[in-house]
Amino acid sequence: MNRTEFTKILAQLLLEMILDGENPLLDYVKRSDEGQMAMYLSGKSKCDGKVKISKHQRGKAADIYFVEDGELVAPKRGWEYWHERWMELGGEPMIEWDKGHFEVGD
């Protein structure tokens, strides 16, 4: 999937979340190699950005969080619900240790 297609299904997912009463917060859509290494060194990613490339570096991943009253919360319907919908749109399955991460394949 190319970046344009990724953008379209990401926009569709976000709109569905909003229409369903969620308050999604989009974060980390595109990362530099240096930014990816910083995430790796801080233990927030298993991709170092050099040997193991992150989908964020290719613009094919986004992190989505949910906010209520200024606090991060779990989505009302649950992570599994939104990841199932993401897969229906063409995205990859949920990464159990990184539930806010939504990516597509190449």
C-alpha atoms as a PDB file:
ATOM      1  CA  MET A   1       0.000   0.000   0.000  1.00  0.00           C
ATOM      2  CA  ASN A   2       1.342   3.458  -0.832  1.00  0.00           C
ATOM      3  CA  ARG A   3       1.263   6.538   1.387  1.00  0.00           C
ATOM      4  CA  THR A   4      -1.726   8.074  -0.384  1.00  0.00           C
ATOM      5  CA  GLU A   5      -3.802   4.940   0.189  1.00  0.00           C
ATOM      6  CA  PHE A   6      -2.595   4.828   3.812  1.00  0.00           C
ATOM      7  CA  THR A   7      -3.667   8.447   4.305  1.00  0.00           C
ATOM      8  CA  LYS A   8      -7.127   7.718   2.938  1.00  0.00           C
ATOM      9  CA  ILE A   9      -7.833   4.709   5.146  1.00  0.00           C
ATOM     10  CA  LEU A  10      -6.354   6.496   8.171  1.00  0.00           C
ATOM     11  CA  ALA A  11      -8.659   9.467   7.547  1.00  0.00           C
ATOM     12  CA  GLN A  12     -11.614   7.110   7.186  1.00  0.00           C
ATOM     13  CA  LEU A  13     -10.773   5.355  10.463  1.00  0.00           C
ATOM     14  CA  LEU A  14     -10.403   8.662  12.321  1.00  0.00           C
ATOM     15  CA  LEU A  15     -13.732   9.920  10.973  1.00  0.00           C
ATOM     16  CA  GLU A  16     -15.452   6.700  12.023  1.00  0.00           C
ATOM     17  CA  MET A  17     -13.944   7.044  15.498  1.00  0.00           C
ATOM     18  CA  ILE A  18     -15.195  10.630  15.785  1.00  0.00           C
ATOM     19  CA  LEU A  19     -18.673   9.756  14.499  1.00  0.00           C
ATOM     20  CA  ASP A  20     -18.771   6.943  17.071  1.00  0.00           C
ATOM     21  CA  GLY A  21     -18.171   9.419  19.907  1.00  0.00           C
ATOM     22  CA  GLU A  22     -14.460   8.800  20.394  1.00  0.00           C
ATOM     23  CA  ASN A  23     -11.906  11.583  20.806  1.00  0.00           C
ATOM     24  CA  PRO A  24      -8.886  10.314  18.860  1.00  0.00           C
ATOM     25  CA  LEU A  25      -5.528  12.039  19.079  1.00  0.00           C
ATOM     26  CA  LEU A  26      -3.188  11.451  16.139  1.00  0.00           C
ATOM     27  CA  ASP A  27       0.525  11.203  16.908  1.00  0.00           C
ATOM     28  CA  TYR A  28       3.785  10.077  15.270  1.00  0.00           C
ATOM     29  CA  VAL A  29       2.757   9.654  11.660  1.00  0.00           C
ATOM     30  CA  LYS A  30       6.194  10.245  10.101  1.00  0.00           C
ATOM     31  CA  ARG A  31       9.539   9.903  11.876  1.00  0.00           C
ATOM     32  CA  SER A  32      13.055  10.800  10.834  1.00  0.00           C
ATOM     33  CA  ASP A  33      15.793   8.200  11.158  1.00  0.00           C
ATOM     34  CA  GLU A  34      17.143  10.128  14.141  1.00  0.00           C
ATOM     35  CA  GLY A  35      13.724  10.326  15.757  1.00  0.00           C
ATOM     36  CA  GLN A  36      13.287   6.590  15.301  1.00  0.00           C
ATOM     37  CA  MET A  37      16.654   5.903  16.937  1.00  0.00           C
ATOM     38  CA  ALA A  38      15.633   8.092  19.877  1.00  0.00           C
ATOM     39  CA  MET A  39      12.425   6.065  20.278  1.00  0.00           C
ATOM     40  CA  TYR A  40      14.462   2.855  20.149  1.00  0.00           C
ATOM     41  CA  LEU A  41      17.023   4.058  22.695  1.00  0.00           C
ATOM     42  CA  SER A  42      14.233   5.131  25.074  1.00  0.00           C
ATOM     43  CA  GLY A  43      12.671   1.661  24.849  1.00  0.00           C
ATOM     44  CA  LYS A  44       9.522   2.879  23.081  1.00  0.00           C
ATOM     45  CA  SER A  45      10.206   0.995  19.838  1.00  0.00           C
ATOM     46  CA  LYS A  46      11.773  -2.282  18.796  1.00  0.00           C
ATOM     47  CA  CYS A  47      12.966  -0.724  15.517  1.00  0.00           C
ATOM     48  CA  ASP A  48      16.332   1.042  15.611  1.00  0.00           C
ATOM     49  CA  GLY A  49      15.729   2.901  12.358  1.00  0.00           C
ATOM     50  CA  LYS A  50      18.858   1.566  10.669  1.00  0.00           C
ATOM     51  CA  VAL A  51      18.837  -2.233  10.709  1.00  0.00           C
ATOM     52  CA  LYS A  52      15.153  -2.598  11.520  1.00  0.00           C
ATOM     53  CA  ILE A  53      13.155   0.148   9.800  1.00  0.00           C
ATOM     54  CA  SER A  54       9.895   1.363  11.319  1.00  0.00           C
ATOM     55  CA  LYS A  55       6.767   1.901   9.223  1.00  0.00           C
ATOM     56  CA  HIS A  56       6.744   5.401  10.755  1.00  0.00           C
ATOM     57  CA  GLN A  57       9.951   6.186   8.856  1.00  0.00           C
ATOM     58  CA  ARG A  58       8.179   5.268   5.628  1.00  0.00           C
ATOM     59  CA  GLY A  59       5.040   7.260   6.453  1.00  0.00           C
ATOM     60  CA  LYS A  60       2.952   4.097   6.684  1.00  0.00           C
ATOM     61  CA  ALA A  61       2.136   4.079  10.395  1.00  0.00           C
ATOM     62  CA  ALA A  62       0.403   6.317  12.890  1.00  0.00           C
ATOM     63  CA  ASP A  63      -0.188   6.220  16.589  1.00  0.00           C
ATOM     64  CA  ILE A  64      -3.714   6.980  17.751  1.00  0.00           C
ATOM     65  CA  TYR A  65      -4.570   7.707  21.365  1.00  0.00           C
ATOM     66  CA  PHE A  66      -7.891   8.614  22.948  1.00  0.00           C
ATOM     67  CA  VAL A  67      -8.602  11.539  25.242  1.00  0.00           C
ATOM     68  CA  GLU A  68     -11.382  12.311  27.707  1.00  0.00           C
ATOM     69  CA  ASP A  69     -11.277  15.391  29.931  1.00  0.00           C
ATOM     70  CA  GLY A  70      -7.636  15.951  29.037  1.00  0.00           C
ATOM     71  CA  GLU A  71      -6.569  12.440  30.086  1.00  0.00           C
ATOM     72  CA  LEU A  72      -5.470   9.510  27.924  1.00  0.00           C
ATOM     73  CA  VAL A  73      -8.019   6.696  28.089  1.00  0.00           C
ATOM     74  CA  ALA A  74      -8.769   3.409  26.360  1.00  0.00           C
ATOM     75  CA  PRO A  75     -11.207   3.689  23.450  1.00  0.00           C
ATOM     76  CA  LYS A  76     -14.852   3.230  24.424  1.00  0.00           C
ATOM     77  CA  ARG A  77     -15.286   0.215  22.148  1.00  0.00           C
ATOM     78  CA  GLY A  78     -11.866  -1.196  23.009  1.00  0.00           C
ATOM     79  CA  TRP A  79      -8.625  -1.480  21.058  1.00  0.00           C
ATOM     80  CA  GLU A  80      -9.641  -4.746  19.442  1.00  0.00           C
ATOM     81  CA  TYR A  81     -12.734  -3.174  17.882  1.00  0.00           C
ATOM     82  CA  TRP A  82     -10.754  -0.397  16.180  1.00  0.00           C
ATOM     83  CA  HIS A  83      -8.002  -2.712  15.050  1.00  0.00           C
ATOM     84  CA  GLU A  84     -10.558  -5.079  13.520  1.00  0.00           C
ATOM     85  CA  ARG A  85     -12.010  -2.118  11.645  1.00  0.00           C
ATOM     86  CA  TRP A  86      -8.496  -1.081  10.605  1.00  0.00           C
ATOM     87  CA  MET A  87      -7.884  -4.537   9.149  1.00  0.00           C
ATOM     88  CA  GLU A  88     -11.176  -4.349   7.235  1.00  0.00           C
ATOM     89  CA  LEU A  89      -9.894  -1.124   5.675  1.00  0.00           C
ATOM     90  CA  GLY A  90      -6.618  -2.816   4.665  1.00  0.00           C
ATOM     91  CA  GLY A  91      -4.378  -2.266   7.688  1.00  0.00           C
ATOM     92  CA  GLU A  92      -2.183  -4.711   9.570  1.00  0.00           C
ATOM     93  CA  PRO A  93      -3.200  -6.531  12.790  1.00  0.00           C
ATOM     94  CA  MET A  94      -2.753  -4.997  16.232  1.00  0.00           C
ATOM     95  CA  ILE A  95       0.634  -5.236  17.923  1.00  0.00           C
ATOM     96  CA  GLU A  96      -0.273  -6.397  21.430  1.00  0.00           C
ATOM     97  CA  TRP A  97       2.402  -4.372  23.227  1.00  0.00           C
ATOM     98  CA  ASP A  98       1.664  -1.205  21.164  1.00  0.00           C
ATOM     99  CA  LYS A  99      -2.118  -1.014  20.871  1.00  0.00           C
ATOM    100  CA  GLY A 100      -2.165   2.616  19.717  1.00  0.00           C
ATOM    101  CA  HIS A 101      -0.064   1.780  16.664  1.00  0.00           C
ATOM    102  CA  PHE A 102      -1.826   1.428  13.300  1.00  0.00           C
ATOM    103  CA  GLU A 103       0.241   0.477  10.230  1.00  0.00           C
ATOM    104  CA  VAL A 104      -0.082  -0.873   6.712  1.00  0.00           C
ATOM    105  CA  GLY A 105       1.997  -3.343   4.733  1.00  0.00           C
ATOM    106  CA  ASP A 106       4.072  -2.517   1.694  1.00  0.00           C
END
